[in-house]
Amino acid sequence: MRNQEETRNYRKNRIPEILNVAARLFREKGFNATSIQDIANEIGIEKGAIYYWVKSKDDILYQLIENEGERFVRNVSKIMDEKTSPQNKLEKFIKKHIEVLTENIDKASVFFNEQKALPKKWQSKIKEFRDKYENILRKIIEEAQKEGKIRDDIEPKMIGFAVLGMINWIYHWFSKEKGYTPKEIGKIFWEIIYNGITKRQ
């Protein structure tokens, strides 16, 4: 019989595996078409055993999306405190976003595609992450506009939407096995974005 510490470790160590497998299946089949039984089969445990670690399939989805949201915000929040130019902050934001997104394409895909499948009681929490993230980007853009580095004839919000729309789409086509590396993609995308928003002399 396990003592309390062993039980905690057992519980803790199995959750990442459940989330990783679930993320892959949700990406391949979609959240609605994936069952708890599918997840259990992939892991090699009984269906009922999964409920030792998670409450439901909705709980799995929420944990995946919450973890990704926290990871995105945590990684770019540090950029705001750096003592560097707004232009450099924007470049770092874009490259860091791409780096975080491409670390686990399964989870990124679930984050962007399956938020609508969450119960309404959890959607407001996820919206907080999204709003916080967009606000960080908008503040960087506003700083760059004030310094005259990028165009100020376009609302910061619209520039932010354009930037995120472009870099979020990467999860649809990125592959670690072929094509460009995240660093190469970051460099190319930054050049495209910067050339589009730079203030003309």
C-alpha atoms as a PDB file:
ATOM      1  CA  MET A   1       0.000   0.000   0.000  1.00  0.00           C
ATOM      2  CA  ARG A   2       1.375   3.425  -0.985  1.00  0.00           C
ATOM      3  CA  ASN A   3       2.194   6.055   1.603  1.00  0.00           C
ATOM      4  CA  GLN A   4       1.053   9.649   1.020  1.00  0.00           C
ATOM      5  CA  GLU A   5       4.303  10.772  -0.648  1.00  0.00           C
ATOM      6  CA  GLU A   6       4.319   7.818  -3.059  1.00  0.00           C
ATOM      7  CA  THR A   7       0.683   8.482  -3.895  1.00  0.00           C
ATOM      8  CA  ARG A   8       1.399  12.148  -4.630  1.00  0.00           C
ATOM      9  CA  ASN A   9       4.353  11.238  -6.856  1.00  0.00           C
ATOM     10  CA  TYR A  10       2.325   8.600  -8.672  1.00  0.00           C
ATOM     11  CA  ARG A  11      -0.463  11.094  -9.272  1.00  0.00           C
ATOM     12  CA  LYS A  12       1.896  13.858 -10.356  1.00  0.00           C
ATOM     13  CA  ASN A  13       4.013  11.763 -12.689  1.00  0.00           C
ATOM     14  CA  ARG A  14       1.082  10.377 -14.680  1.00  0.00           C
ATOM     15  CA  ILE A  15      -0.687  13.653 -15.445  1.00  0.00           C
ATOM     16  CA  PRO A  16       1.916  14.897 -17.997  1.00  0.00           C
ATOM     17  CA  GLU A  17       1.607  11.605 -19.883  1.00  0.00           C
ATOM     18  CA  ILE A  18      -2.180  11.877 -19.964  1.00  0.00           C
ATOM     19  CA  LEU A  19      -1.993  15.470 -21.189  1.00  0.00           C
ATOM     20  CA  ASN A  20       0.586  14.680 -23.885  1.00  0.00           C
ATOM     21  CA  VAL A  21      -1.383  11.731 -25.229  1.00  0.00           C
ATOM     22  CA  ALA A  22      -4.663  13.635 -25.060  1.00  0.00           C
ATOM     23  CA  ALA A  23      -3.148  16.610 -26.899  1.00  0.00           C
ATOM     24  CA  ARG A  24      -1.985  14.372 -29.737  1.00  0.00           C
ATOM     25  CA  LEU A  25      -5.363  12.648 -30.029  1.00  0.00           C
ATOM     26  CA  PHE A  26      -7.303  15.917 -29.793  1.00  0.00           C
ATOM     27  CA  ARG A  27      -5.154  17.294 -32.586  1.00  0.00           C
ATOM     28  CA  GLU A  28      -5.499  14.196 -34.779  1.00  0.00           C
ATOM     29  CA  LYS A  29      -9.184  13.403 -34.191  1.00  0.00           C
ATOM     30  CA  GLY A  30     -10.612  16.519 -32.584  1.00  0.00           C
ATOM     31  CA  PHE A  31     -11.773  16.898 -28.987  1.00  0.00           C
ATOM     32  CA  ASN A  32     -15.355  15.776 -29.599  1.00  0.00           C
ATOM     33  CA  ALA A  33     -14.302  12.645 -31.489  1.00  0.00           C
ATOM     34  CA  THR A  34     -11.805  11.541 -28.834  1.00  0.00           C
ATOM     35  CA  SER A  35     -13.002   9.527 -25.855  1.00  0.00           C
ATOM     36  CA  ILE A  36     -11.494   8.834 -22.455  1.00  0.00           C
ATOM     37  CA  GLN A  37     -11.272   5.224 -23.624  1.00  0.00           C
ATOM     38  CA  ASP A  38      -9.111   6.324 -26.580  1.00  0.00           C
ATOM     39  CA  ILE A  39      -6.737   8.118 -24.225  1.00  0.00           C
ATOM     40  CA  ALA A  40      -6.590   5.164 -21.835  1.00  0.00           C
ATOM     41  CA  ASN A  41      -5.891   2.757 -24.702  1.00  0.00           C
ATOM     42  CA  GLU A  42      -2.979   4.870 -25.939  1.00  0.00           C
ATOM     43  CA  ILE A  43      -1.461   5.029 -22.470  1.00  0.00           C
ATOM     44  CA  GLY A  44      -2.128   1.367 -21.758  1.00  0.00           C
ATOM     45  CA  ILE A  45      -4.279   1.692 -18.650  1.00  0.00           C
ATOM     46  CA  GLU A  46      -7.873   0.930 -17.769  1.00  0.00           C
ATOM     47  CA  LYS A  47     -10.400   3.641 -18.576  1.00  0.00           C
ATOM     48  CA  GLY A  48     -11.460   3.909 -14.949  1.00  0.00           C
ATOM     49  CA  ALA A  49      -7.865   4.485 -13.835  1.00  0.00           C
ATOM     50  CA  ILE A  50      -7.699   7.802 -15.685  1.00  0.00           C
ATOM     51  CA  TYR A  51     -10.212   9.271 -13.263  1.00  0.00           C
ATOM     52  CA  TYR A  52      -7.633   8.882 -10.520  1.00  0.00           C
ATOM     53  CA  TRP A  53      -5.711  11.757 -12.152  1.00  0.00           C
ATOM     54  CA  VAL A  54      -8.385  13.803 -13.924  1.00  0.00           C
ATOM     55  CA  LYS A  55     -12.076  14.454 -13.334  1.00  0.00           C
ATOM     56  CA  SER A  56     -13.278  14.313 -16.938  1.00  0.00           C
ATOM     57  CA  LYS A  57     -12.358  14.864 -20.571  1.00  0.00           C
ATOM     58  CA  ASP A  58     -13.329  18.525 -20.094  1.00  0.00           C
ATOM     59  CA  ASP A  59     -10.855  18.688 -17.216  1.00  0.00           C
ATOM     60  CA  ILE A  60      -8.089  17.377 -19.490  1.00  0.00           C
ATOM     61  CA  LEU A  61      -8.906  19.986 -22.115  1.00  0.00           C
ATOM     62  CA  TYR A  62      -8.976  22.784 -19.565  1.00  0.00           C
ATOM     63  CA  GLN A  63      -5.604  21.752 -18.120  1.00  0.00           C
ATOM     64  CA  LEU A  64      -4.071  21.656 -21.594  1.00  0.00           C
ATOM     65  CA  ILE A  65      -5.384  25.080 -22.566  1.00  0.00           C
ATOM     66  CA  GLU A  66      -4.665  26.669 -19.193  1.00  0.00           C
ATOM     67  CA  ASN A  67      -1.094  25.345 -19.172  1.00  0.00           C
ATOM     68  CA  GLU A  68      -0.452  26.649 -22.682  1.00  0.00           C
ATOM     69  CA  GLY A  69      -1.983  30.027 -21.881  1.00  0.00           C
ATOM     70  CA  GLU A  70       0.182  30.366 -18.784  1.00  0.00           C
ATOM     71  CA  ARG A  71       3.265  29.313 -20.742  1.00  0.00           C
ATOM     72  CA  PHE A  72       2.706  31.886 -23.476  1.00  0.00           C
ATOM     73  CA  VAL A  73       2.083  34.720 -21.002  1.00  0.00           C
ATOM     74  CA  ARG A  74       4.976  33.732 -18.723  1.00  0.00           C
ATOM     75  CA  ASN A  75       7.494  33.679 -21.563  1.00  0.00           C
ATOM     76  CA  VAL A  76       6.619  37.035 -23.105  1.00  0.00           C
ATOM     77  CA  SER A  77       5.949  38.887 -19.834  1.00  0.00           C
ATOM     78  CA  LYS A  78       9.684  38.923 -19.139  1.00  0.00           C
ATOM     79  CA  ILE A  79      10.265  40.913 -22.329  1.00  0.00           C
ATOM     80  CA  MET A  80       8.326  43.912 -20.994  1.00  0.00           C
ATOM     81  CA  ASP A  81      10.834  44.339 -18.143  1.00  0.00           C
ATOM     82  CA  GLU A  82      13.909  44.282 -20.356  1.00  0.00           C
ATOM     83  CA  LYS A  83      15.805  47.541 -20.745  1.00  0.00           C
ATOM     84  CA  THR A  84      15.862  47.609 -24.506  1.00  0.00           C
ATOM     85  CA  SER A  85      14.115  49.450 -27.326  1.00  0.00           C
ATOM     86  CA  PRO A  86      10.446  48.798 -28.175  1.00  0.00           C
ATOM     87  CA  GLN A  87      11.608  47.605 -31.587  1.00  0.00           C
ATOM     88  CA  ASN A  88      13.813  44.953 -29.968  1.00  0.00           C
ATOM     89  CA  LYS A  89      10.998  44.008 -27.597  1.00  0.00           C
ATOM     90  CA  LEU A  90       8.654  43.464 -30.539  1.00  0.00           C
ATOM     91  CA  GLU A  91      11.232  41.335 -32.327  1.00  0.00           C
ATOM     92  CA  LYS A  92      11.805  39.275 -29.182  1.00  0.00           C
ATOM     93  CA  PHE A  93       8.051  38.902 -28.623  1.00  0.00           C
ATOM     94  CA  ILE A  94       7.533  37.490 -32.115  1.00  0.00           C
ATOM     95  CA  LYS A  95      10.503  35.136 -31.933  1.00  0.00           C
ATOM     96  CA  LYS A  96       9.626  33.947 -28.422  1.00  0.00           C
ATOM     97  CA  HIS A  97       6.013  33.321 -29.447  1.00  0.00           C
ATOM     98  CA  ILE A  98       7.201  31.162 -32.342  1.00  0.00           C
ATOM     99  CA  GLU A  99       9.651  29.316 -30.087  1.00  0.00           C
ATOM    100  CA  VAL A 100       6.972  28.540 -27.484  1.00  0.00           C
ATOM    101  CA  LEU A 101       4.381  27.572 -30.101  1.00  0.00           C
ATOM    102  CA  THR A 102       6.691  25.138 -31.910  1.00  0.00           C
ATOM    103  CA  GLU A 103       7.909  23.382 -28.749  1.00  0.00           C
ATOM    104  CA  ASN A 104       4.773  21.231 -28.757  1.00  0.00           C
ATOM    105  CA  ILE A 105       2.606  21.517 -31.856  1.00  0.00           C
ATOM    106  CA  ASP A 106      -0.018  19.130 -30.458  1.00  0.00           C
ATOM    107  CA  LYS A 107      -0.643  21.371 -27.457  1.00  0.00           C
ATOM    108  CA  ALA A 108      -0.492  24.552 -29.526  1.00  0.00           C
ATOM    109  CA  SER A 109      -3.077  23.106 -31.902  1.00  0.00           C
ATOM    110  CA  VAL A 110      -5.397  22.235 -29.019  1.00  0.00           C
ATOM    111  CA  PHE A 111      -4.921  25.698 -27.512  1.00  0.00           C
ATOM    112  CA  PHE A 112      -5.951  27.491 -30.693  1.00  0.00           C
ATOM    113  CA  ASN A 113      -8.535  25.036 -32.038  1.00  0.00           C
ATOM    114  CA  GLU A 114     -10.414  23.669 -29.048  1.00  0.00           C
ATOM    115  CA  GLN A 115     -11.114  26.657 -26.784  1.00  0.00           C
ATOM    116  CA  LYS A 116     -14.674  26.716 -28.089  1.00  0.00           C
ATOM    117  CA  ALA A 117     -15.187  23.173 -26.762  1.00  0.00           C
ATOM    118  CA  LEU A 118     -14.581  24.265 -23.166  1.00  0.00           C
ATOM    119  CA  PRO A 119     -17.587  24.615 -20.863  1.00  0.00           C
ATOM    120  CA  LYS A 120     -18.587  28.269 -20.505  1.00  0.00           C
ATOM    121  CA  LYS A 121     -17.589  28.345 -16.831  1.00  0.00           C
ATOM    122  CA  TRP A 122     -13.932  27.961 -17.895  1.00  0.00           C
ATOM    123  CA  GLN A 123     -13.918  30.106 -21.013  1.00  0.00           C
ATOM    124  CA  SER A 124     -13.731  33.358 -19.043  1.00  0.00           C
ATOM    125  CA  LYS A 125     -10.497  32.196 -17.399  1.00  0.00           C
ATOM    126  CA  ILE A 126      -8.949  31.438 -20.778  1.00  0.00           C
ATOM    127  CA  LYS A 127     -10.107  34.815 -22.074  1.00  0.00           C
ATOM    128  CA  GLU A 128      -8.075  36.398 -19.257  1.00  0.00           C
ATOM    129  CA  PHE A 129      -4.914  34.790 -20.643  1.00  0.00           C
ATOM    130  CA  ARG A 130      -5.750  35.882 -24.157  1.00  0.00           C
ATOM    131  CA  ASP A 131      -6.487  39.463 -23.099  1.00  0.00           C
ATOM    132  CA  LYS A 132      -3.325  39.672 -20.999  1.00  0.00           C
ATOM    133  CA  TYR A 133      -1.246  38.372 -23.889  1.00  0.00           C
ATOM    134  CA  GLU A 134      -2.746  40.769 -26.414  1.00  0.00           C
ATOM    135  CA  ASN A 135      -2.272  43.662 -23.980  1.00  0.00           C
ATOM    136  CA  ILE A 136       1.444  42.908 -23.648  1.00  0.00           C
ATOM    137  CA  LEU A 137       1.833  42.994 -27.417  1.00  0.00           C
ATOM    138  CA  ARG A 138      -0.251  46.148 -27.753  1.00  0.00           C
ATOM    139  CA  LYS A 139       1.841  47.993 -25.143  1.00  0.00           C
ATOM    140  CA  ILE A 140       5.042  47.109 -26.991  1.00  0.00           C
ATOM    141  CA  ILE A 141       3.527  48.367 -30.245  1.00  0.00           C
ATOM    142  CA  GLU A 142       2.362  51.596 -28.579  1.00  0.00           C
ATOM    143  CA  GLU A 143       5.876  52.194 -27.218  1.00  0.00           C
ATOM    144  CA  ALA A 144       7.377  51.653 -30.664  1.00  0.00           C
ATOM    145  CA  GLN A 145       4.874  54.069 -32.204  1.00  0.00           C
ATOM    146  CA  LYS A 146       5.654  56.756 -29.613  1.00  0.00           C
ATOM    147  CA  GLU A 147       9.340  56.489 -30.453  1.00  0.00           C
ATOM    148  CA  GLY A 148       8.554  56.832 -34.140  1.00  0.00           C
ATOM    149  CA  LYS A 149       9.930  53.409 -35.014  1.00  0.00           C
ATOM    150  CA  ILE A 150       6.803  51.957 -36.587  1.00  0.00           C
ATOM    151  CA  ARG A 151       3.764  53.336 -38.383  1.00  0.00           C
ATOM    152  CA  ASP A 152       1.340  55.271 -36.230  1.00  0.00           C
ATOM    153  CA  ASP A 153      -1.401  55.548 -38.845  1.00  0.00           C
ATOM    154  CA  ILE A 154      -2.682  52.096 -37.834  1.00  0.00           C
ATOM    155  CA  GLU A 155      -4.228  51.324 -34.443  1.00  0.00           C
ATOM    156  CA  PRO A 156      -1.911  49.283 -32.170  1.00  0.00           C
ATOM    157  CA  LYS A 157      -4.764  46.806 -31.682  1.00  0.00           C
ATOM    158  CA  MET A 158      -4.989  46.153 -35.426  1.00  0.00           C
ATOM    159  CA  ILE A 159      -1.243  45.724 -35.786  1.00  0.00           C
ATOM    160  CA  GLY A 160      -1.375  43.270 -32.883  1.00  0.00           C
ATOM    161  CA  PHE A 161      -4.177  41.284 -34.493  1.00  0.00           C
ATOM    162  CA  ALA A 162      -2.227  41.145 -37.763  1.00  0.00           C
ATOM    163  CA  VAL A 163       0.943  39.965 -36.019  1.00  0.00           C
ATOM    164  CA  LEU A 164      -0.824  37.271 -33.988  1.00  0.00           C
ATOM    165  CA  GLY A 165      -2.882  36.157 -36.965  1.00  0.00           C
ATOM    166  CA  MET A 166       0.304  35.561 -38.900  1.00  0.00           C
ATOM    167  CA  ILE A 167       2.412  33.843 -36.249  1.00  0.00           C
ATOM    168  CA  ASN A 168      -0.393  31.777 -34.715  1.00  0.00           C
ATOM    169  CA  TRP A 169      -1.012  30.045 -38.038  1.00  0.00           C
ATOM    170  CA  ILE A 170       2.412  28.362 -37.913  1.00  0.00           C
ATOM    171  CA  TYR A 171       1.053  25.332 -36.053  1.00  0.00           C
ATOM    172  CA  HIS A 172      -0.874  24.337 -39.200  1.00  0.00           C
ATOM    173  CA  TRP A 173       2.239  23.661 -41.250  1.00  0.00           C
ATOM    174  CA  PHE A 174       5.289  23.507 -38.963  1.00  0.00           C
ATOM    175  CA  SER A 175       7.211  20.223 -38.798  1.00  0.00           C
ATOM    176  CA  LYS A 176      10.282  19.471 -36.683  1.00  0.00           C
ATOM    177  CA  GLU A 177      11.309  16.794 -39.162  1.00  0.00           C
ATOM    178  CA  LYS A 178      11.415  18.983 -42.267  1.00  0.00           C
ATOM    179  CA  GLY A 179      11.460  22.582 -43.371  1.00  0.00           C
ATOM    180  CA  TYR A 180      12.617  25.604 -41.403  1.00  0.00           C
ATOM    181  CA  THR A 181      13.721  25.654 -37.775  1.00  0.00           C
ATOM    182  CA  PRO A 182      11.872  27.880 -35.270  1.00  0.00           C
ATOM    183  CA  LYS A 183      14.813  30.316 -35.284  1.00  0.00           C
ATOM    184  CA  GLU A 184      14.760  30.549 -39.072  1.00  0.00           C
ATOM    185  CA  ILE A 185      10.997  31.075 -39.073  1.00  0.00           C
ATOM    186  CA  GLY A 186      11.337  33.757 -36.397  1.00  0.00           C
ATOM    187  CA  LYS A 187      13.947  35.624 -38.429  1.00  0.00           C
ATOM    188  CA  ILE A 188      11.910  35.456 -41.653  1.00  0.00           C
ATOM    189  CA  PHE A 189       8.622  36.434 -40.022  1.00  0.00           C
ATOM    190  CA  TRP A 190      10.224  39.317 -38.153  1.00  0.00           C
ATOM    191  CA  GLU A 191      11.632  40.706 -41.406  1.00  0.00           C
ATOM    192  CA  ILE A 192       8.242  40.425 -43.110  1.00  0.00           C
ATOM    193  CA  ILE A 193       6.375  42.032 -40.201  1.00  0.00           C
ATOM    194  CA  TYR A 194       8.957  44.751 -39.588  1.00  0.00           C
ATOM    195  CA  ASN A 195       9.095  45.736 -43.253  1.00  0.00           C
ATOM    196  CA  GLY A 196       5.312  46.025 -43.231  1.00  0.00           C
ATOM    197  CA  ILE A 197       5.024  48.260 -40.164  1.00  0.00           C
ATOM    198  CA  THR A 198       8.220  50.318 -40.293  1.00  0.00           C
ATOM    199  CA  LYS A 199       7.602  54.029 -40.495  1.00  0.00           C
ATOM    200  CA  ARG A 200       8.657  55.294 -43.903  1.00  0.00           C
ATOM    201  CA  GLN A 201      11.116  58.184 -43.910  1.00  0.00           C
END
